[in-house]
mmCIF file of all heavy atoms, coordinates in Angstrom:
data_MODEL
# 
_entry.id   MODEL 
# 
loop_
_atom_site.group_PDB 
_atom_site.id 
_atom_site.type_symbol 
_atom_site.label_atom_id 
_atom_site.label_alt_id 
_atom_site.label_comp_id 
_atom_site.label_asym_id 
_atom_site.label_entity_id 
_atom_site.label_seq_id 
_atom_site.pdbx_PDB_ins_code 
_atom_site.Cartn_x 
_atom_site.Cartn_y 
_atom_site.Cartn_z 
_atom_site.occupancy 
_atom_site.B_iso_or_equiv 
_atom_site.pdbx_formal_charge 
_atom_site.auth_seq_id 
_atom_site.auth_comp_id 
_atom_site.auth_asym_id 
_atom_site.auth_atom_id 
_atom_site.pdbx_PDB_model_num 
ATOM 1   N N   . ARG A 1 1  ? -0.828  -47.643 27.249 1.00 0.00 ? 1  ARG A N   1 
ATOM 2   C CA  . ARG A 1 1  ? -1.409  -47.085 26.066 1.00 0.00 ? 1  ARG A CA  1 
ATOM 3   C C   . ARG A 1 1  ? -1.478  -48.106 24.878 1.00 0.00 ? 1  ARG A C   1 
ATOM 4   O O   . ARG A 1 1  ? -2.438  -48.137 24.101 1.00 0.00 ? 1  ARG A O   1 
ATOM 5   C CB  . ARG A 1 1  ? -0.616  -45.886 25.628 1.00 0.00 ? 1  ARG A CB  1 
ATOM 6   C CG  . ARG A 1 1  ? -1.265  -45.041 24.563 1.00 0.00 ? 1  ARG A CG  1 
ATOM 7   C CD  . ARG A 1 1  ? -2.417  -44.218 25.130 1.00 0.00 ? 1  ARG A CD  1 
ATOM 8   N NE  . ARG A 1 1  ? -3.024  -43.337 24.109 1.00 0.00 ? 1  ARG A NE  1 
ATOM 9   C CZ  . ARG A 1 1  ? -4.096  -42.626 24.240 1.00 0.00 ? 1  ARG A CZ  1 
ATOM 10  N NH1 . ARG A 1 1  ? -4.761  -42.710 25.455 1.00 0.00 ? 1  ARG A NH1 1 
ATOM 11  N NH2 . ARG A 1 1  ? -4.574  -41.864 23.347 1.00 0.00 ? 1  ARG A NH2 1 
ATOM 12  N N   . SER A 1 2  ? -0.432  -48.857 24.766 1.00 0.00 ? 2  SER A N   1 
ATOM 13  C CA  . SER A 1 2  ? -0.323  -49.807 23.717 1.00 0.00 ? 2  SER A CA  1 
ATOM 14  C C   . SER A 1 2  ? -1.451  -50.923 23.804 1.00 0.00 ? 2  SER A C   1 
ATOM 15  O O   . SER A 1 2  ? -2.200  -51.244 22.851 1.00 0.00 ? 2  SER A O   1 
ATOM 16  C CB  . SER A 1 2  ? 0.977   -50.508 23.703 1.00 0.00 ? 2  SER A CB  1 
ATOM 17  O OG  . SER A 1 2  ? 1.098   -51.539 22.763 1.00 0.00 ? 2  SER A OG  1 
ATOM 18  N N   . GLU A 1 3  ? -1.661  -51.374 25.085 1.00 0.00 ? 3  GLU A N   1 
ATOM 19  C CA  . GLU A 1 3  ? -2.757  -52.365 25.317 1.00 0.00 ? 3  GLU A CA  1 
ATOM 20  C C   . GLU A 1 3  ? -4.131  -51.750 24.989 1.00 0.00 ? 3  GLU A C   1 
ATOM 21  O O   . GLU A 1 3  ? -4.933  -52.469 24.345 1.00 0.00 ? 3  GLU A O   1 
ATOM 22  C CB  . GLU A 1 3  ? -2.684  -52.863 26.732 1.00 0.00 ? 3  GLU A CB  1 
ATOM 23  C CG  . GLU A 1 3  ? -1.671  -53.996 27.073 1.00 0.00 ? 3  GLU A CG  1 
ATOM 24  C CD  . GLU A 1 3  ? -1.800  -54.447 28.480 1.00 0.00 ? 3  GLU A CD  1 
ATOM 25  O OE1 . GLU A 1 3  ? -1.493  -53.599 29.406 1.00 0.00 ? 3  GLU A OE1 1 
ATOM 26  O OE2 . GLU A 1 3  ? -2.236  -55.595 28.678 1.00 0.00 ? 3  GLU A OE2 1 
ATOM 27  N N   . LEU A 1 4  ? -4.334  -50.592 25.478 1.00 0.00 ? 4  LEU A N   1 
ATOM 28  C CA  . LEU A 1 4  ? -5.653  -49.904 25.196 1.00 0.00 ? 4  LEU A CA  1 
ATOM 29  C C   . LEU A 1 4  ? -5.913  -49.809 23.680 1.00 0.00 ? 4  LEU A C   1 
ATOM 30  O O   . LEU A 1 4  ? -6.923  -50.038 23.242 1.00 0.00 ? 4  LEU A O   1 
ATOM 31  C CB  . LEU A 1 4  ? -5.674  -48.474 25.853 1.00 0.00 ? 4  LEU A CB  1 
ATOM 32  C CG  . LEU A 1 4  ? -5.811  -48.538 27.297 1.00 0.00 ? 4  LEU A CG  1 
ATOM 33  C CD1 . LEU A 1 4  ? -5.606  -47.142 27.890 1.00 0.00 ? 4  LEU A CD1 1 
ATOM 34  C CD2 . LEU A 1 4  ? -7.206  -49.092 27.733 1.00 0.00 ? 4  LEU A CD2 1 
ATOM 35  N N   . ARG A 1 5  ? -4.851  -49.362 22.975 1.00 0.00 ? 5  ARG A N   1 
ATOM 36  C CA  . ARG A 1 5  ? -4.982  -49.215 21.438 1.00 0.00 ? 5  ARG A CA  1 
ATOM 37  C C   . ARG A 1 5  ? -5.235  -50.590 20.817 1.00 0.00 ? 5  ARG A C   1 
ATOM 38  O O   . ARG A 1 5  ? -6.149  -50.622 19.894 1.00 0.00 ? 5  ARG A O   1 
ATOM 39  C CB  . ARG A 1 5  ? -3.788  -48.668 20.851 1.00 0.00 ? 5  ARG A CB  1 
ATOM 40  C CG  . ARG A 1 5  ? -3.564  -47.143 21.077 1.00 0.00 ? 5  ARG A CG  1 
ATOM 41  C CD  . ARG A 1 5  ? -2.628  -46.463 19.982 1.00 0.00 ? 5  ARG A CD  1 
ATOM 42  N NE  . ARG A 1 5  ? -1.359  -47.137 20.173 1.00 0.00 ? 5  ARG A NE  1 
ATOM 43  C CZ  . ARG A 1 5  ? -0.357  -46.795 20.895 1.00 0.00 ? 5  ARG A CZ  1 
ATOM 44  N NH1 . ARG A 1 5  ? -0.463  -45.581 21.620 1.00 0.00 ? 5  ARG A NH1 1 
ATOM 45  N NH2 . ARG A 1 5  ? 0.868   -47.330 20.945 1.00 0.00 ? 5  ARG A NH2 1 
ATOM 46  N N   . ASP A 1 6  ? -4.562  -51.586 21.240 1.00 0.00 ? 6  ASP A N   1 
ATOM 47  C CA  . ASP A 1 6  ? -4.796  -53.029 20.645 1.00 0.00 ? 6  ASP A CA  1 
ATOM 48  C C   . ASP A 1 6  ? -6.263  -53.440 20.922 1.00 0.00 ? 6  ASP A C   1 
ATOM 49  O O   . ASP A 1 6  ? -6.879  -54.052 20.023 1.00 0.00 ? 6  ASP A O   1 
ATOM 50  C CB  . ASP A 1 6  ? -3.801  -53.956 21.267 1.00 0.00 ? 6  ASP A CB  1 
ATOM 51  C CG  . ASP A 1 6  ? -2.365  -53.666 20.646 1.00 0.00 ? 6  ASP A CG  1 
ATOM 52  O OD1 . ASP A 1 6  ? -2.301  -53.010 19.611 1.00 0.00 ? 6  ASP A OD1 1 
ATOM 53  O OD2 . ASP A 1 6  ? -1.418  -54.217 21.277 1.00 0.00 ? 6  ASP A OD2 1 
ATOM 54  N N   . LEU A 1 7  ? -6.640  -53.286 22.216 1.00 0.00 ? 7  LEU A N   1 
ATOM 55  C CA  . LEU A 1 7  ? -8.042  -53.711 22.494 1.00 0.00 ? 7  LEU A CA  1 
ATOM 56  C C   . LEU A 1 7  ? -9.065  -52.865 21.846 1.00 0.00 ? 7  LEU A C   1 
ATOM 57  O O   . LEU A 1 7  ? -10.056 -53.345 21.323 1.00 0.00 ? 7  LEU A O   1 
ATOM 58  C CB  . LEU A 1 7  ? -8.214  -53.531 24.054 1.00 0.00 ? 7  LEU A CB  1 
ATOM 59  C CG  . LEU A 1 7  ? -7.419  -54.589 24.843 1.00 0.00 ? 7  LEU A CG  1 
ATOM 60  C CD1 . LEU A 1 7  ? -7.490  -54.283 26.313 1.00 0.00 ? 7  LEU A CD1 1 
ATOM 61  C CD2 . LEU A 1 7  ? -7.962  -56.007 24.690 1.00 0.00 ? 7  LEU A CD2 1 
ATOM 62  N N   . ALA A 1 8  ? -8.859  -51.598 21.673 1.00 0.00 ? 8  ALA A N   1 
ATOM 63  C CA  . ALA A 1 8  ? -9.875  -50.759 20.851 1.00 0.00 ? 8  ALA A CA  1 
ATOM 64  C C   . ALA A 1 8  ? -9.835  -51.239 19.396 1.00 0.00 ? 8  ALA A C   1 
ATOM 65  O O   . ALA A 1 8  ? -10.911 -51.274 18.812 1.00 0.00 ? 8  ALA A O   1 
ATOM 66  C CB  . ALA A 1 8  ? -9.370  -49.341 20.986 1.00 0.00 ? 8  ALA A CB  1 
ATOM 67  N N   . SER A 1 9  ? -8.670  -51.553 18.819 1.00 0.00 ? 9  SER A N   1 
ATOM 68  C CA  . SER A 1 9  ? -8.698  -52.038 17.440 1.00 0.00 ? 9  SER A CA  1 
ATOM 69  C C   . SER A 1 9  ? -9.366  -53.350 17.377 1.00 0.00 ? 9  SER A C   1 
ATOM 70  O O   . SER A 1 9  ? -10.103 -53.653 16.411 1.00 0.00 ? 9  SER A O   1 
ATOM 71  C CB  . SER A 1 9  ? -7.248  -52.231 17.058 1.00 0.00 ? 9  SER A CB  1 
ATOM 72  O OG  . SER A 1 9  ? -6.554  -51.071 16.969 1.00 0.00 ? 9  SER A OG  1 
ATOM 73  N N   . GLU A 1 10 ? -9.385  -54.205 18.379 1.00 0.00 ? 10 GLU A N   1 
ATOM 74  C CA  . GLU A 1 10 ? -10.170 -55.463 18.375 1.00 0.00 ? 10 GLU A CA  1 
ATOM 75  C C   . GLU A 1 10 ? -11.535 -55.239 18.413 1.00 0.00 ? 10 GLU A C   1 
ATOM 76  O O   . GLU A 1 10 ? -12.315 -55.947 17.738 1.00 0.00 ? 10 GLU A O   1 
ATOM 77  C CB  . GLU A 1 10 ? -9.562  -56.366 19.518 1.00 0.00 ? 10 GLU A CB  1 
ATOM 78  C CG  . GLU A 1 10 ? -9.772  -57.825 19.259 1.00 0.00 ? 10 GLU A CG  1 
ATOM 79  C CD  . GLU A 1 10 ? -9.075  -58.323 18.014 1.00 0.00 ? 10 GLU A CD  1 
ATOM 80  O OE1 . GLU A 1 10 ? -8.063  -57.757 17.578 1.00 0.00 ? 10 GLU A OE1 1 
ATOM 81  O OE2 . GLU A 1 10 ? -9.529  -59.383 17.506 1.00 0.00 ? 10 GLU A OE2 1 
ATOM 82  N N   . VAL A 1 11 ? -12.049 -54.362 19.236 1.00 0.00 ? 11 VAL A N   1 
ATOM 83  C CA  . VAL A 1 11 ? -13.472 -53.986 19.285 1.00 0.00 ? 11 VAL A CA  1 
ATOM 84  C C   . VAL A 1 11 ? -13.821 -53.445 17.867 1.00 0.00 ? 11 VAL A C   1 
ATOM 85  O O   . VAL A 1 11 ? -14.949 -53.766 17.381 1.00 0.00 ? 11 VAL A O   1 
ATOM 86  C CB  . VAL A 1 11 ? -13.746 -53.010 20.338 1.00 0.00 ? 11 VAL A CB  1 
ATOM 87  C CG1 . VAL A 1 11 ? -15.210 -52.421 20.258 1.00 0.00 ? 11 VAL A CG1 1 
ATOM 88  C CG2 . VAL A 1 11 ? -13.581 -53.673 21.782 1.00 0.00 ? 11 VAL A CG2 1 
ATOM 89  N N   . GLU A 1 12 ? -13.055 -52.624 17.259 1.00 0.00 ? 12 GLU A N   1 
ATOM 90  C CA  . GLU A 1 12 ? -13.303 -52.035 16.003 1.00 0.00 ? 12 GLU A CA  1 
ATOM 91  C C   . GLU A 1 12 ? -13.462 -53.164 14.881 1.00 0.00 ? 12 GLU A C   1 
ATOM 92  O O   . GLU A 1 12 ? -14.415 -53.159 14.084 1.00 0.00 ? 12 GLU A O   1 
ATOM 93  C CB  . GLU A 1 12 ? -12.303 -51.085 15.562 1.00 0.00 ? 12 GLU A CB  1 
ATOM 94  C CG  . GLU A 1 12 ? -12.443 -50.429 14.155 1.00 0.00 ? 12 GLU A CG  1 
ATOM 95  C CD  . GLU A 1 12 ? -11.415 -49.591 13.737 1.00 0.00 ? 12 GLU A CD  1 
ATOM 96  O OE1 . GLU A 1 12 ? -10.378 -49.356 14.515 1.00 0.00 ? 12 GLU A OE1 1 
ATOM 97  O OE2 . GLU A 1 12 ? -11.492 -48.973 12.618 1.00 0.00 ? 12 GLU A OE2 1 
ATOM 98  N N   . TRP A 1 13 ? -12.585 -54.171 14.973 1.00 0.00 ? 13 TRP A N   1 
ATOM 99  C CA  . TRP A 1 13 ? -12.653 -55.204 14.058 1.00 0.00 ? 13 TRP A CA  1 
ATOM 100 C C   . TRP A 1 13 ? -13.919 -56.049 14.282 1.00 0.00 ? 13 TRP A C   1 
ATOM 101 O O   . TRP A 1 13 ? -14.646 -56.390 13.245 1.00 0.00 ? 13 TRP A O   1 
ATOM 102 C CB  . TRP A 1 13 ? -11.528 -56.216 14.256 1.00 0.00 ? 13 TRP A CB  1 
ATOM 103 C CG  . TRP A 1 13 ? -11.527 -57.470 13.386 1.00 0.00 ? 13 TRP A CG  1 
ATOM 104 C CD1 . TRP A 1 13 ? -11.322 -57.657 12.080 1.00 0.00 ? 13 TRP A CD1 1 
ATOM 105 C CD2 . TRP A 1 13 ? -12.103 -58.737 13.891 1.00 0.00 ? 13 TRP A CD2 1 
ATOM 106 N NE1 . TRP A 1 13 ? -11.601 -58.923 11.722 1.00 0.00 ? 13 TRP A NE1 1 
ATOM 107 C CE2 . TRP A 1 13 ? -12.090 -59.625 12.792 1.00 0.00 ? 13 TRP A CE2 1 
ATOM 108 C CE3 . TRP A 1 13 ? -12.573 -59.193 15.142 1.00 0.00 ? 13 TRP A CE3 1 
ATOM 109 C CZ2 . TRP A 1 13 ? -12.520 -60.985 12.955 1.00 0.00 ? 13 TRP A CZ2 1 
ATOM 110 C CZ3 . TRP A 1 13 ? -12.956 -60.475 15.247 1.00 0.00 ? 13 TRP A CZ3 1 
ATOM 111 C CH2 . TRP A 1 13 ? -12.973 -61.385 14.109 1.00 0.00 ? 13 TRP A CH2 1 
ATOM 112 N N   . ALA A 1 14 ? -14.252 -56.317 15.447 1.00 0.00 ? 14 ALA A N   1 
ATOM 113 C CA  . ALA A 1 14 ? -15.538 -57.045 15.670 1.00 0.00 ? 14 ALA A CA  1 
ATOM 114 C C   . ALA A 1 14 ? -16.741 -56.353 15.208 1.00 0.00 ? 14 ALA A C   1 
ATOM 115 O O   . ALA A 1 14 ? -17.650 -56.949 14.537 1.00 0.00 ? 14 ALA A O   1 
ATOM 116 C CB  . ALA A 1 14 ? -15.640 -57.296 17.186 1.00 0.00 ? 14 ALA A CB  1 
ATOM 117 N N   . LYS A 1 15 ? -16.844 -55.074 15.513 1.00 0.00 ? 15 LYS A N   1 
ATOM 118 C CA  . LYS A 1 15 ? -18.001 -54.314 15.005 1.00 0.00 ? 15 LYS A CA  1 
ATOM 119 C C   . LYS A 1 15 ? -17.973 -54.222 13.390 1.00 0.00 ? 15 LYS A C   1 
ATOM 120 O O   . LYS A 1 15 ? -19.123 -54.347 12.895 1.00 0.00 ? 15 LYS A O   1 
ATOM 121 C CB  . LYS A 1 15 ? -18.017 -52.964 15.626 1.00 0.00 ? 15 LYS A CB  1 
ATOM 122 C CG  . LYS A 1 15 ? -18.085 -52.955 17.189 1.00 0.00 ? 15 LYS A CG  1 
ATOM 123 C CD  . LYS A 1 15 ? -18.463 -51.651 17.782 1.00 0.00 ? 15 LYS A CD  1 
ATOM 124 C CE  . LYS A 1 15 ? -19.921 -51.321 17.651 1.00 0.00 ? 15 LYS A CE  1 
ATOM 125 N NZ  . LYS A 1 15 ? -20.247 -50.201 18.503 1.00 0.00 ? 15 LYS A NZ  1 
ATOM 126 N N   . ALA A 1 16 ? -16.885 -53.968 12.873 1.00 0.00 ? 16 ALA A N   1 
ATOM 127 C CA  . ALA A 1 16 ? -16.777 -53.854 11.370 1.00 0.00 ? 16 ALA A CA  1 
ATOM 128 C C   . ALA A 1 16 ? -17.159 -55.164 10.716 1.00 0.00 ? 16 ALA A C   1 
ATOM 129 O O   . ALA A 1 16 ? -17.681 -55.205 9.597  1.00 0.00 ? 16 ALA A O   1 
ATOM 130 C CB  . ALA A 1 16 ? -15.403 -53.430 11.009 1.00 0.00 ? 16 ALA A CB  1 
ATOM 131 N N   . THR A 1 17 ? -16.967 -56.336 11.370 1.00 0.00 ? 17 THR A N   1 
ATOM 132 C CA  . THR A 1 17 ? -17.280 -57.637 10.747 1.00 0.00 ? 17 THR A CA  1 
ATOM 133 C C   . THR A 1 17 ? -18.586 -58.124 11.275 1.00 0.00 ? 17 THR A C   1 
ATOM 134 O O   . THR A 1 17 ? -18.914 -59.369 11.115 1.00 0.00 ? 17 THR A O   1 
ATOM 135 C CB  . THR A 1 17 ? -16.094 -58.651 11.019 1.00 0.00 ? 17 THR A CB  1 
ATOM 136 O OG1 . THR A 1 17 ? -15.834 -58.687 12.517 1.00 0.00 ? 17 THR A OG1 1 
ATOM 137 C CG2 . THR A 1 17 ? -14.855 -58.228 10.257 1.00 0.00 ? 17 THR A CG2 1 
ATOM 138 N N   . LEU A 1 18 ? -19.350 -57.300 11.963 1.00 0.00 ? 18 LEU A N   1 
ATOM 139 C CA  . LEU A 1 18 ? -20.703 -57.640 12.494 1.00 0.00 ? 18 LEU A CA  1 
ATOM 140 C C   . LEU A 1 18 ? -20.721 -58.836 13.471 1.00 0.00 ? 18 LEU A C   1 
ATOM 141 O O   . LEU A 1 18 ? -21.514 -59.639 13.502 1.00 0.00 ? 18 LEU A O   1 
ATOM 142 C CB  . LEU A 1 18 ? -21.606 -58.010 11.309 1.00 0.00 ? 18 LEU A CB  1 
ATOM 143 C CG  . LEU A 1 18 ? -21.754 -56.897 10.290 1.00 0.00 ? 18 LEU A CG  1 
ATOM 144 C CD1 . LEU A 1 18 ? -22.654 -57.322 9.097  1.00 0.00 ? 18 LEU A CD1 1 
ATOM 145 C CD2 . LEU A 1 18 ? -22.446 -55.668 10.971 1.00 0.00 ? 18 LEU A CD2 1 
ATOM 146 N N   . VAL A 1 19 ? -19.664 -58.900 14.265 1.00 0.00 ? 19 VAL A N   1 
ATOM 147 C CA  . VAL A 1 19 ? -19.438 -59.963 15.383 1.00 0.00 ? 19 VAL A CA  1 
ATOM 148 C C   . VAL A 1 19 ? -19.831 -59.277 16.657 1.00 0.00 ? 19 VAL A C   1 
ATOM 149 O O   . VAL A 1 19 ? -19.441 -58.274 17.102 1.00 0.00 ? 19 VAL A O   1 
ATOM 150 C CB  . VAL A 1 19 ? -18.010 -60.400 15.326 1.00 0.00 ? 19 VAL A CB  1 
ATOM 151 C CG1 . VAL A 1 19 ? -17.824 -61.300 16.552 1.00 0.00 ? 19 VAL A CG1 1 
ATOM 152 C CG2 . VAL A 1 19 ? -17.574 -61.056 14.089 1.00 0.00 ? 19 VAL A CG2 1 
ATOM 153 N N   . THR A 1 20 ? -20.789 -60.003 17.412 1.00 0.00 ? 20 THR A N   1 
ATOM 154 C CA  . THR A 1 20 ? -21.183 -59.518 18.694 1.00 0.00 ? 20 THR A CA  1 
ATOM 155 C C   . THR A 1 20 ? -20.300 -60.043 19.737 1.00 0.00 ? 20 THR A C   1 
ATOM 156 O O   . THR A 1 20 ? -19.428 -60.957 19.523 1.00 0.00 ? 20 THR A O   1 
ATOM 157 C CB  . THR A 1 20 ? -22.655 -60.140 18.995 1.00 0.00 ? 20 THR A CB  1 
ATOM 158 O OG1 . THR A 1 20 ? -22.581 -61.547 18.987 1.00 0.00 ? 20 THR A OG1 1 
ATOM 159 C CG2 . THR A 1 20 ? -23.612 -59.710 17.873 1.00 0.00 ? 20 THR A CG2 1 
ATOM 160 N N   . PRO A 1 21 ? -20.305 -59.493 20.955 1.00 0.00 ? 21 PRO A N   1 
ATOM 161 C CA  . PRO A 1 21 ? -19.525 -59.961 22.136 1.00 0.00 ? 21 PRO A CA  1 
ATOM 162 C C   . PRO A 1 21 ? -19.718 -61.546 22.409 1.00 0.00 ? 21 PRO A C   1 
ATOM 163 O O   . PRO A 1 21 ? -18.686 -62.158 22.580 1.00 0.00 ? 21 PRO A O   1 
ATOM 164 C CB  . PRO A 1 21 ? -19.996 -59.136 23.257 1.00 0.00 ? 21 PRO A CB  1 
ATOM 165 C CG  . PRO A 1 21 ? -20.537 -57.853 22.615 1.00 0.00 ? 21 PRO A CG  1 
ATOM 166 C CD  . PRO A 1 21 ? -21.208 -58.318 21.395 1.00 0.00 ? 21 PRO A CD  1 
ATOM 167 N N   . GLU A 1 22 ? -20.933 -61.992 22.245 1.00 0.00 ? 22 GLU A N   1 
ATOM 168 C CA  . GLU A 1 22 ? -21.250 -63.412 22.433 1.00 0.00 ? 22 GLU A CA  1 
ATOM 169 C C   . GLU A 1 22 ? -20.395 -64.290 21.441 1.00 0.00 ? 22 GLU A C   1 
ATOM 170 O O   . GLU A 1 22 ? -19.945 -65.357 21.690 1.00 0.00 ? 22 GLU A O   1 
ATOM 171 C CB  . GLU A 1 22 ? -22.622 -63.691 22.425 1.00 0.00 ? 22 GLU A CB  1 
ATOM 172 C CG  . GLU A 1 22 ? -23.472 -63.045 23.506 1.00 0.00 ? 22 GLU A CG  1 
ATOM 173 C CD  . GLU A 1 22 ? -23.595 -61.583 23.300 1.00 0.00 ? 22 GLU A CD  1 
ATOM 174 O OE1 . GLU A 1 22 ? -23.560 -61.068 22.115 1.00 0.00 ? 22 GLU A OE1 1 
ATOM 175 O OE2 . GLU A 1 22 ? -23.987 -60.872 24.329 1.00 0.00 ? 22 GLU A OE2 1 
ATOM 176 N N   . ASP A 1 23 ? -20.381 -63.759 20.149 1.00 0.00 ? 23 ASP A N   1 
ATOM 177 C CA  . ASP A 1 23 ? -19.875 -64.580 19.065 1.00 0.00 ? 23 ASP A CA  1 
ATOM 178 C C   . ASP A 1 23 ? -18.299 -64.392 18.946 1.00 0.00 ? 23 ASP A C   1 
ATOM 179 O O   . ASP A 1 23 ? -17.742 -65.032 18.070 1.00 0.00 ? 23 ASP A O   1 
ATOM 180 C CB  . ASP A 1 23 ? -20.517 -64.231 17.777 1.00 0.00 ? 23 ASP A CB  1 
ATOM 181 C CG  . ASP A 1 23 ? -22.001 -64.593 17.721 1.00 0.00 ? 23 ASP A CG  1 
ATOM 182 O OD1 . ASP A 1 23 ? -22.302 -65.566 18.478 1.00 0.00 ? 23 ASP A OD1 1 
ATOM 183 O OD2 . ASP A 1 23 ? -22.786 -63.994 16.960 1.00 0.00 ? 23 ASP A OD2 1 
ATOM 184 N N   . TYR A 1 24 ? -17.783 -63.403 19.658 1.00 0.00 ? 24 TYR A N   1 
ATOM 185 C CA  . TYR A 1 24 ? -16.398 -62.951 19.431 1.00 0.00 ? 24 TYR A CA  1 
ATOM 186 C C   . TYR A 1 24 ? -15.398 -64.096 19.589 1.00 0.00 ? 24 TYR A C   1 
ATOM 187 O O   . TYR A 1 24 ? -14.492 -64.290 18.813 1.00 0.00 ? 24 TYR A O   1 
ATOM 188 C CB  . TYR A 1 24 ? -16.014 -61.799 20.284 1.00 0.00 ? 24 TYR A CB  1 
ATOM 189 C CG  . TYR A 1 24 ? -14.528 -61.457 20.141 1.00 0.00 ? 24 TYR A CG  1 
ATOM 190 C CD1 . TYR A 1 24 ? -14.099 -60.581 19.130 1.00 0.00 ? 24 TYR A CD1 1 
ATOM 191 C CD2 . TYR A 1 24 ? -13.641 -62.038 20.971 1.00 0.00 ? 24 TYR A CD2 1 
ATOM 192 C CE1 . TYR A 1 24 ? -12.761 -60.376 18.923 1.00 0.00 ? 24 TYR A CE1 1 
ATOM 193 C CE2 . TYR A 1 24 ? -12.209 -61.698 20.932 1.00 0.00 ? 24 TYR A CE2 1 
ATOM 194 C CZ  . TYR A 1 24 ? -11.806 -60.871 19.884 1.00 0.00 ? 24 TYR A CZ  1 
ATOM 195 O OH  . TYR A 1 24 ? -10.498 -60.657 19.716 1.00 0.00 ? 24 TYR A OH  1 
ATOM 196 N N   . PRO A 1 25 ? -15.371 -64.904 20.618 1.00 0.00 ? 25 PRO A N   1 
ATOM 197 C CA  . PRO A 1 25 ? -14.356 -65.924 20.830 1.00 0.00 ? 25 PRO A CA  1 
ATOM 198 C C   . PRO A 1 25 ? -14.208 -66.917 19.566 1.00 0.00 ? 25 PRO A C   1 
ATOM 199 O O   . PRO A 1 25 ? -13.159 -67.135 19.179 1.00 0.00 ? 25 PRO A O   1 
ATOM 200 C CB  . PRO A 1 25 ? -14.690 -66.679 22.086 1.00 0.00 ? 25 PRO A CB  1 
ATOM 201 C CG  . PRO A 1 25 ? -15.499 -65.676 22.926 1.00 0.00 ? 25 PRO A CG  1 
ATOM 202 C CD  . PRO A 1 25 ? -16.349 -64.955 21.838 1.00 0.00 ? 25 PRO A CD  1 
# 
């Protein structure tokens, strides 16, 4: 559950900062 929450938070950060999957790294 902890890993899932952390990964969900990372996706949330990316979308909130207008970062696409390609630009994420």
